[in-house]
Protein backbone atom coordinates (compact mmCIF):
# COMPACT_ATOMS: atom_id res chain seq x y z
CA MET A 1 42.56 27.93 7.39
CA ASN A 2 45.82 29.42 6.15
CA ASN A 3 46.14 30.46 2.53
CA THR A 4 48.47 32.23 0.16
CA GLU A 5 46.89 34.27 -2.66
CA THR A 6 47.79 33.47 -6.26
CA PRO A 7 46.90 35.37 -9.48
CA LYS A 8 43.23 36.12 -10.32
CA LEU A 9 41.50 33.58 -12.57
CA ASN A 10 38.70 35.81 -13.80
CA SER A 11 37.35 39.32 -13.32
CA VAL A 12 34.19 41.02 -14.59
CA ASN A 13 32.37 44.22 -13.76
CA THR A 14 28.77 43.96 -12.55
CA ILE A 15 26.18 46.42 -11.25
CA PHE A 16 27.11 45.22 -7.75
CA GLY A 17 30.82 45.86 -8.28
CA LYS A 18 33.75 43.92 -9.64
CA LEU A 19 33.30 40.13 -9.52
CA GLU A 20 36.58 38.28 -9.17
CA ILE A 21 37.54 34.66 -8.83
CA ARG A 22 40.90 34.12 -7.21
CA GLN A 23 42.72 30.84 -6.75
CA VAL A 24 44.55 30.51 -3.46
CA LYS A 25 46.52 27.85 -1.66
CA ALA A 26 44.56 26.56 1.29
CA SER A 27 45.08 23.97 3.98
CA CYS A 28 42.50 21.44 5.14
CA PRO A 29 43.06 20.04 8.67
CA LEU A 30 42.00 16.61 7.40
CA HIS A 31 43.49 16.40 3.91
CA GLY A 32 46.28 18.97 3.83
CA GLU A 33 46.99 21.61 1.20
CA TYR A 34 44.73 22.24 -1.83
CA LEU A 35 43.85 25.01 -4.30
CA ALA A 36 40.70 26.90 -3.33
CA ASN A 37 38.61 29.30 -5.41
CA GLU A 38 37.63 32.56 -3.71
CA VAL A 39 34.73 34.61 -5.02
CA TRP A 40 35.07 38.38 -4.42
CA LEU A 41 32.36 40.92 -5.15
CA GLY A 42 32.92 44.64 -4.74
CA GLY A 43 36.11 44.00 -2.80
CA GLN A 44 34.39 41.64 -0.33
CA LEU A 45 35.01 37.92 0.00
CA LYS A 46 31.71 36.10 -0.63
CA GLU A 47 32.58 32.43 -0.94
CA VAL A 48 35.50 29.98 -0.63
CA SER A 49 35.43 26.53 -2.20
CA GLU A 50 35.89 23.68 0.23
CA CYS A 51 38.51 20.98 0.17
CA PRO A 52 37.73 18.66 -2.78
CA GLU A 53 38.15 15.56 -0.59
CA CYS A 54 35.80 17.01 2.03
CA PHE A 55 33.40 17.86 -0.79
CA LYS A 56 33.37 14.23 -1.92
CA LEU A 57 32.82 12.99 1.64
CA ASN A 58 30.04 15.52 2.27
CA LYS A 59 28.42 14.66 -1.05
CA ALA A 60 28.48 10.97 -0.16
CA GLN A 61 27.04 11.72 3.29
CA ARG A 62 24.29 13.86 1.77
CA ALA A 63 23.45 11.04 -0.61
CA ILE A 64 23.15 8.64 2.34
CA GLU A 65 20.94 11.07 4.25
CA GLU A 66 18.77 11.75 1.20
CA GLU A 67 18.34 8.01 0.58
CA LYS A 68 17.43 7.51 4.24
CA ALA A 69 14.89 10.34 4.05
CA ARG A 70 13.48 8.88 0.82
CA LYS A 71 13.06 5.45 2.41
CA GLU A 72 11.42 6.98 5.50
CA GLU A 73 9.00 8.93 3.31
CA THR A 74 8.26 5.82 1.25
CA GLU A 75 7.55 3.80 4.40
CA LYS A 76 5.41 6.62 5.79
CA ASN A 77 3.35 6.66 2.60
CA ARG A 78 3.13 2.86 2.63
CA LEU A 79 1.81 2.81 6.19
CA ALA A 80 -0.70 5.52 5.32
CA ARG A 81 -1.95 3.49 2.34
CA ILE A 82 -2.19 0.36 4.51
CA LYS A 83 -4.24 2.31 7.05
CA GLU A 84 -6.48 3.65 4.29
CA SER A 85 -7.05 0.08 3.09
CA ARG A 86 -8.95 -0.59 6.34
CA MET A 87 -7.47 -4.06 6.75
CA PRO A 88 -7.52 -5.29 10.38
CA LEU A 89 -4.56 -4.13 12.45
CA GLU A 90 -3.36 -7.65 13.26
CA TYR A 91 -3.01 -8.44 9.56
CA GLN A 92 -1.09 -5.30 8.59
CA VAL A 93 2.20 -7.02 9.38
CA LYS A 94 1.30 -10.45 8.01
CA ASP A 95 2.28 -11.43 4.50
CA PHE A 96 2.88 -14.53 2.40
CA SER A 97 6.02 -15.39 4.37
CA THR A 98 4.09 -15.66 7.65
CA PHE A 99 1.32 -17.87 6.26
CA ILE A 100 1.54 -21.41 7.64
CA THR A 101 1.42 -24.17 5.02
CA GLU A 102 1.14 -27.48 6.82
CA THR A 103 -1.52 -29.02 4.57
CA GLU A 104 -2.05 -29.42 0.84
CA SER A 105 -5.03 -27.09 1.08
CA GLN A 106 -2.91 -24.34 2.64
CA ARG A 107 -0.17 -24.78 0.03
CA ASN A 108 -2.71 -24.57 -2.78
CA ALA A 109 -4.31 -21.48 -1.27
CA LEU A 110 -0.95 -19.72 -0.92
CA ALA A 111 0.00 -20.64 -4.49
CA MET A 112 -3.29 -19.22 -5.78
CA ALA A 113 -2.82 -16.00 -3.80
CA LYS A 114 0.66 -15.52 -5.27
CA ARG A 115 -0.69 -16.32 -8.72
CA PHE A 116 -3.35 -13.64 -8.29
CA VAL A 117 -0.72 -11.04 -7.35
CA ASN A 118 1.57 -12.00 -10.23
CA GLY A 119 -1.37 -11.90 -12.63
CA TRP A 120 -2.85 -8.67 -11.28
CA GLU A 121 -2.70 -6.87 -14.62
CA LYS A 122 -4.82 -9.59 -16.22
CA ALA A 123 -7.11 -9.77 -13.20
CA LYS A 124 -7.62 -6.00 -13.39
CA ALA A 125 -8.22 -6.05 -17.13
CA GLY A 126 -10.83 -8.79 -16.86
CA GLY A 127 -12.28 -7.92 -13.47
CA TYR A 128 -11.37 -11.33 -12.03
CA GLY A 129 -11.17 -11.98 -8.29
CA LEU A 130 -11.20 -14.77 -5.72
CA LEU A 131 -13.78 -16.56 -3.59
CA LEU A 132 -12.14 -17.82 -0.39
CA LEU A 133 -14.15 -20.60 1.25
CA GLY A 134 -13.42 -22.28 4.58
CA GLY A 135 -14.10 -22.48 8.28
CA CYS A 136 -13.18 -19.89 10.92
CA GLY A 137 -9.46 -19.35 11.46
CA THR A 138 -8.28 -21.29 8.42
CA GLY A 139 -6.30 -18.35 7.00
CA LYS A 140 -8.68 -16.67 4.57
CA THR A 141 -8.32 -13.15 5.98
CA HIS A 142 -4.57 -13.61 6.38
CA LEU A 143 -4.12 -14.42 2.69
CA ALA A 144 -6.57 -11.76 1.50
CA CYS A 145 -4.70 -9.08 3.45
CA ALA A 146 -1.34 -10.49 2.32
CA ILE A 147 -2.54 -10.05 -1.25
CA MET A 148 -3.44 -6.44 -0.48
CA LEU A 149 -0.01 -5.79 1.06
CA GLU A 150 1.82 -7.34 -1.88
CA LEU A 151 -0.18 -5.27 -4.37
CA LEU A 152 0.26 -2.07 -2.32
CA ASP A 153 4.03 -2.53 -2.46
CA LYS A 154 4.02 -3.45 -6.13
CA TYR A 155 1.66 -0.76 -7.44
CA ALA A 156 1.95 2.78 -6.07
CA CYS A 157 -1.35 3.87 -7.62
CA LEU A 158 -3.44 0.96 -6.32
CA TYR A 159 -5.79 1.57 -3.39
CA PRO A 160 -7.55 -1.65 -2.30
CA ARG A 161 -10.18 -1.56 0.44
CA TYR A 162 -11.24 -4.14 3.04
CA TYR A 163 -14.80 -4.26 4.41
CA LYS A 164 -16.85 -6.73 6.37
CA VAL A 165 -20.14 -7.33 4.60
CA THR A 166 -22.03 -5.95 7.60
CA GLU A 167 -20.09 -2.67 7.31
CA ILE A 168 -21.27 -2.32 3.72
CA PHE A 169 -24.88 -2.88 4.71
CA SER A 170 -24.54 -0.38 7.59
CA ALA A 171 -23.06 2.23 5.26
CA VAL A 172 -26.01 1.88 2.90
CA ARG A 173 -28.60 1.89 5.70
CA ASN A 174 -27.08 5.02 7.20
CA THR A 175 -28.11 6.88 4.05
CA TYR A 176 -31.75 6.32 5.08
CA GLN A 177 -31.29 8.34 8.26
CA GLN A 178 -32.49 11.91 8.51
CA GLY A 179 -29.66 14.35 7.84
CA ALA A 180 -27.57 11.83 5.86
CA THR A 181 -25.03 13.58 3.63
CA THR A 182 -25.20 10.94 0.91
CA ASN A 183 -27.80 8.60 -0.56
CA GLU A 184 -28.02 4.89 -1.30
CA GLU A 185 -27.13 5.26 -4.96
CA GLU A 186 -23.95 7.21 -4.21
CA THR A 187 -22.89 4.73 -1.51
CA ILE A 188 -23.42 1.74 -3.79
CA LYS A 189 -21.48 3.59 -6.49
CA PHE A 190 -18.61 4.12 -4.02
CA PHE A 191 -18.29 0.39 -3.24
CA SER A 192 -18.74 -0.45 -6.91
CA SER A 193 -15.81 1.76 -7.98
CA ILE A 194 -13.08 0.61 -5.54
CA GLN A 195 -10.11 -0.73 -7.51
CA LEU A 196 -9.88 -3.94 -5.48
CA LEU A 197 -12.65 -4.62 -2.97
CA VAL A 198 -12.12 -7.28 -0.29
CA ILE A 199 -15.38 -8.32 1.40
CA ASP A 200 -15.06 -10.45 4.53
CA GLU A 201 -17.62 -12.54 6.40
CA VAL A 202 -20.02 -12.89 3.49
CA GLY A 203 -22.84 -15.03 4.84
CA VAL A 204 -23.10 -13.64 8.37
CA GLN A 205 -25.92 -11.39 7.15
CA LYS A 206 -29.57 -12.34 7.59
CA GLY A 207 -30.03 -13.06 3.92
CA SER A 208 -32.88 -10.58 3.66
CA GLU A 209 -34.09 -9.37 0.30
CA SER A 210 -32.74 -5.91 1.12
CA GLU A 211 -29.24 -7.28 1.81
CA LYS A 212 -29.34 -9.43 -1.31
CA ARG A 213 -30.37 -6.40 -3.36
CA ILE A 214 -27.56 -4.22 -1.97
CA LEU A 215 -24.88 -6.88 -2.45
CA PHE A 216 -26.18 -7.80 -5.89
CA SER A 217 -26.12 -4.14 -6.98
CA ILE A 218 -22.52 -3.69 -5.85
CA LEU A 219 -21.20 -6.96 -7.28
CA ASP A 220 -23.19 -6.63 -10.50
CA ASN A 221 -21.74 -3.15 -11.00
CA ARG A 222 -18.25 -4.44 -10.29
CA VAL A 223 -18.62 -7.33 -12.72
CA THR A 224 -19.96 -5.01 -15.42
CA SER A 225 -17.17 -2.45 -14.91
CA LYS A 226 -14.49 -5.17 -14.53
CA LYS A 227 -13.47 -4.36 -10.95
CA PRO A 228 -11.77 -7.31 -9.17
CA THR A 229 -13.32 -8.50 -5.91
CA ILE A 230 -12.12 -10.90 -3.22
CA LEU A 231 -14.92 -12.51 -1.21
CA MET A 232 -14.52 -14.53 1.98
CA THR A 233 -17.07 -16.79 3.66
CA ASN A 234 -17.21 -19.37 6.42
CA LEU A 235 -20.21 -21.03 4.80
CA GLY A 236 -20.26 -24.23 2.80
CA SER A 237 -21.15 -23.95 -0.86
CA LYS A 238 -24.85 -24.86 -0.39
CA ASP A 239 -25.42 -22.40 2.46
CA PHE A 240 -23.47 -19.76 0.56
CA VAL A 241 -25.76 -20.10 -2.45
CA TRP A 242 -28.85 -20.01 -0.20
CA VAL A 243 -27.78 -16.79 1.54
CA LEU A 244 -26.85 -14.97 -1.66
CA GLY A 245 -29.45 -16.37 -4.01
CA ASP A 246 -28.94 -18.01 -7.39
CA ARG A 247 -28.63 -14.77 -9.37
CA LEU A 248 -25.89 -13.28 -7.19
CA TYR A 249 -24.01 -16.56 -6.84
CA ASP A 250 -24.04 -16.96 -10.62
CA ARG A 251 -22.51 -13.47 -10.91
CA ILE A 252 -19.80 -14.30 -8.38
CA ARG A 253 -19.00 -17.66 -9.96
CA SER A 254 -18.43 -15.99 -13.34
CA LYS A 255 -15.65 -13.72 -12.02
CA CYS A 256 -14.25 -15.13 -8.76
CA VAL A 257 -11.99 -18.18 -8.75
CA PRO A 258 -12.87 -20.43 -5.75
CA VAL A 259 -10.13 -21.27 -3.25
CA LEU A 260 -10.90 -23.86 -0.56
CA PHE A 261 -9.39 -23.63 2.93
CA LYS A 262 -9.61 -26.95 4.76
CA GLY A 263 -8.59 -27.87 8.27
CA ASN A 264 -8.94 -26.65 11.81
CA SER A 265 -8.54 -23.09 13.05
CA MET A 266 -4.97 -21.80 12.91
CA ARG A 267 -5.58 -19.31 15.72
CA THR A 268 -3.70 -20.02 18.94
CA PRO A 269 -5.94 -20.00 22.05
CA ALA A 270 -5.13 -17.30 24.62
CA THR A 271 -3.50 -18.52 27.84
CA PRO A 272 -3.00 -16.82 31.24
CA ASP A 273 0.71 -16.20 30.57
CA VAL A 274 -0.22 -13.35 28.17
CA PHE A 275 -0.54 -11.23 31.32
CA ASP A 276 2.96 -12.03 32.62
């Protein structure tokens, strides 16, 4: 860079020597001649201001890079929260837009799921959830996980959790083992305190008194403390009541809005060409 010195703009004595700011003519290979500020300290050149046009371009580029880094960090945090939610891997990329609505039942179910997301603040305040009923493969898990994804994106401080009912029972039973680091009460308290608890496959359990007691304790605590819950079952209403018992079903009915999934399985059968 070629430059021609012009008069000093400012000068002040410091403990490190004389501090001077000089304005000089400078030439930028991209934008031509401009006035640059030189900072001198103790007779040594410390800094030269860059071309103002280059400064603008660099500032704009930095802004683009910072925005890119921000988006990458946001997506990284989002993926971490999705992983922490424990939802099945295949449903982590499925949302409302990928839910098939060929029947009236499917359209109603999707509408209710969206309504739940839009009314989350009221659902949270009142502890209201959903009861998804229907046969295997009718889309219950898809919509439940889509709800979780929508809420994760909408609320940065929300941490929903997905569990199969058998996983909850196993977690509680593990506390009975010798050397367990927690007890039944603490485990039940953990499931009771989750902000939004999604419980899948309710009804596959044996329906033993022990299982009913565990599930009743968790859901009763959640109802009392106004924690929303989404329950999913493949059972019909009569079998569902029989497995849970009248007391627990009455608790669920008071806080979970039923959503019926009719129709055949939406899952596509595997064919040999998956190996090609």
